[in-house]
């Protein structure tokens, strides 16, 4: 038996495989929330079949059905009142400023109260 060397190399990918991988990476499209909603609503309208809609939009049917399922579940949660909106950075900063001002006010009033009790 030959001893295994620590620097065994994996077979290098052929240039063609690298080109295909690069093309796939570059052609992957990202859809905005508005695009996803538009596509799902078109599918729900039923003017065209889902297969035709997916061909027209250039997406896989499985992706359409994933979006559709997420759309329906989000609608159910919203109707049940089970959603919480995430605060924006600006809102968080405003709330922190307000909390700091209120703490200063409480500290001033506490100090004033103690001084009045001693007098």
Protein backbone atom coordinates (compact mmCIF):
# COMPACT_ATOMS: atom_id res chain seq x y z
CA UNK A 1 0.00 0.00 0.00
CA UNK A 2 1.19 3.48 -0.82
CA UNK A 3 1.12 6.05 1.95
CA UNK A 4 -1.27 8.91 1.27
CA UNK A 5 0.41 12.21 0.77
CA UNK A 6 -1.04 15.27 2.43
CA UNK A 7 -1.03 17.30 -0.75
CA UNK A 8 -3.25 15.16 -2.96
CA UNK A 9 -4.92 17.30 -5.58
CA UNK A 10 -8.48 17.07 -6.76
CA UNK A 11 -8.90 16.74 -10.49
CA UNK A 12 -8.99 20.20 -12.04
CA UNK A 13 -12.19 21.27 -13.73
CA UNK A 14 -12.02 21.52 -17.46
CA UNK A 15 -12.17 25.00 -18.98
CA UNK A 16 -15.57 24.17 -20.46
CA UNK A 17 -17.00 23.33 -17.03
CA UNK A 18 -15.68 26.61 -15.65
CA UNK A 19 -17.23 28.56 -18.54
CA UNK A 20 -20.61 26.88 -18.02
CA UNK A 21 -20.49 27.60 -14.29
CA UNK A 22 -19.61 31.25 -14.94
CA UNK A 23 -22.45 31.61 -17.45
CA UNK A 24 -24.94 30.12 -15.00
CA UNK A 25 -23.75 32.44 -12.27
CA UNK A 26 -24.05 35.49 -14.52
CA UNK A 27 -27.46 34.61 -15.92
CA UNK A 28 -29.12 33.98 -12.57
CA UNK A 29 -31.83 36.58 -12.32
CA UNK A 30 -33.10 38.13 -9.13
CA UNK A 31 -36.72 39.20 -9.09
CA UNK A 32 -38.00 42.07 -6.99
CA UNK A 33 -40.95 41.53 -4.67
CA UNK A 34 -43.12 43.51 -7.10
CA UNK A 35 -42.15 41.23 -9.99
CA UNK A 36 -42.89 38.12 -7.95
CA UNK A 37 -46.30 39.46 -6.93
CA UNK A 38 -47.11 40.46 -10.51
CA UNK A 39 -46.19 37.00 -11.82
CA UNK A 40 -48.15 35.18 -9.10
CA UNK A 41 -51.20 37.36 -9.68
CA UNK A 42 -51.02 36.71 -13.43
CA UNK A 43 -50.98 33.00 -12.68
CA UNK A 44 -53.94 33.31 -10.33
CA UNK A 45 -55.88 35.28 -12.94
CA UNK A 46 -55.71 32.22 -15.18
CA UNK A 47 -55.58 34.01 -18.55
CA UNK A 48 -52.69 31.74 -19.59
CA UNK A 49 -51.61 28.38 -18.27
CA UNK A 50 -48.89 28.34 -15.63
CA UNK A 51 -46.55 26.65 -18.11
CA UNK A 52 -47.09 29.45 -20.67
CA UNK A 53 -46.64 32.13 -18.02
CA UNK A 54 -43.40 30.55 -16.79
CA UNK A 55 -42.04 30.27 -20.34
CA UNK A 56 -42.94 33.89 -21.00
CA UNK A 57 -41.24 35.06 -17.78
CA UNK A 58 -38.29 32.68 -18.15
CA UNK A 59 -38.74 30.91 -14.82
CA UNK A 60 -39.20 27.30 -13.78
CA UNK A 61 -42.69 26.17 -12.83
CA UNK A 62 -41.36 24.99 -9.47
CA UNK A 63 -40.18 28.55 -8.76
CA UNK A 64 -43.62 29.91 -9.64
CA UNK A 65 -45.30 27.45 -7.28
CA UNK A 66 -42.82 28.32 -4.50
CA UNK A 67 -43.63 32.02 -4.90
CA UNK A 68 -47.34 31.26 -5.04
CA UNK A 69 -47.18 29.24 -1.82
CA UNK A 70 -45.21 31.99 -0.04
CA UNK A 71 -47.68 34.60 -1.33
CA UNK A 72 -50.67 32.66 0.02
CA UNK A 73 -49.04 31.97 3.39
CA UNK A 74 -48.10 35.63 3.81
CA UNK A 75 -51.68 36.60 3.00
CA UNK A 76 -53.02 34.19 5.61
CA UNK A 77 -50.65 35.55 8.26
CA UNK A 78 -51.59 39.12 7.40
CA UNK A 79 -55.31 38.43 7.56
CA UNK A 80 -54.83 36.68 10.89
CA UNK A 81 -53.03 39.79 12.17
CA UNK A 82 -49.91 37.76 12.86
CA UNK A 83 -47.35 40.07 11.27
CA UNK A 84 -44.92 42.43 12.89
CA UNK A 85 -43.23 45.09 10.83
CA UNK A 86 -39.50 45.54 11.29
CA UNK A 87 -38.46 49.03 12.36
CA UNK A 88 -36.34 51.05 9.99
CA UNK A 89 -32.95 52.42 11.01
CA UNK A 90 -34.34 55.94 11.17
CA UNK A 91 -37.17 54.87 13.46
CA UNK A 92 -34.75 53.07 15.76
CA UNK A 93 -32.49 56.14 15.96
CA UNK A 94 -35.47 58.40 16.72
CA UNK A 95 -36.68 56.06 19.45
CA UNK A 96 -33.21 55.91 21.01
CA UNK A 97 -32.96 59.72 20.99
CA UNK A 98 -36.39 59.98 22.60
CA UNK A 99 -35.48 57.37 25.23
CA UNK A 100 -32.25 59.25 26.04
CA UNK A 101 -34.16 62.55 26.41
CA UNK A 102 -36.76 60.92 28.65
CA UNK A 103 -34.06 59.39 30.86
CA UNK A 104 -32.43 62.82 31.23
CA UNK A 105 -35.81 64.29 32.13
CA UNK A 106 -36.42 61.59 34.75
CA UNK A 107 -32.95 62.18 36.21
CA UNK A 108 -33.57 65.96 36.43
CA UNK A 109 -36.97 65.47 38.07
CA UNK A 110 -35.58 62.91 40.52
CA UNK A 111 -32.78 65.29 41.52
CA UNK A 112 -35.23 68.18 41.89
CA UNK A 113 -37.56 65.99 43.97
CA UNK A 114 -34.73 65.00 46.34
CA UNK A 115 -33.68 68.63 46.75
CA UNK A 116 -37.24 69.69 47.55
CA UNK A 117 -37.63 66.88 50.12
CA UNK A 118 -34.47 68.02 51.94
CA UNK A 119 -35.59 71.65 52.03
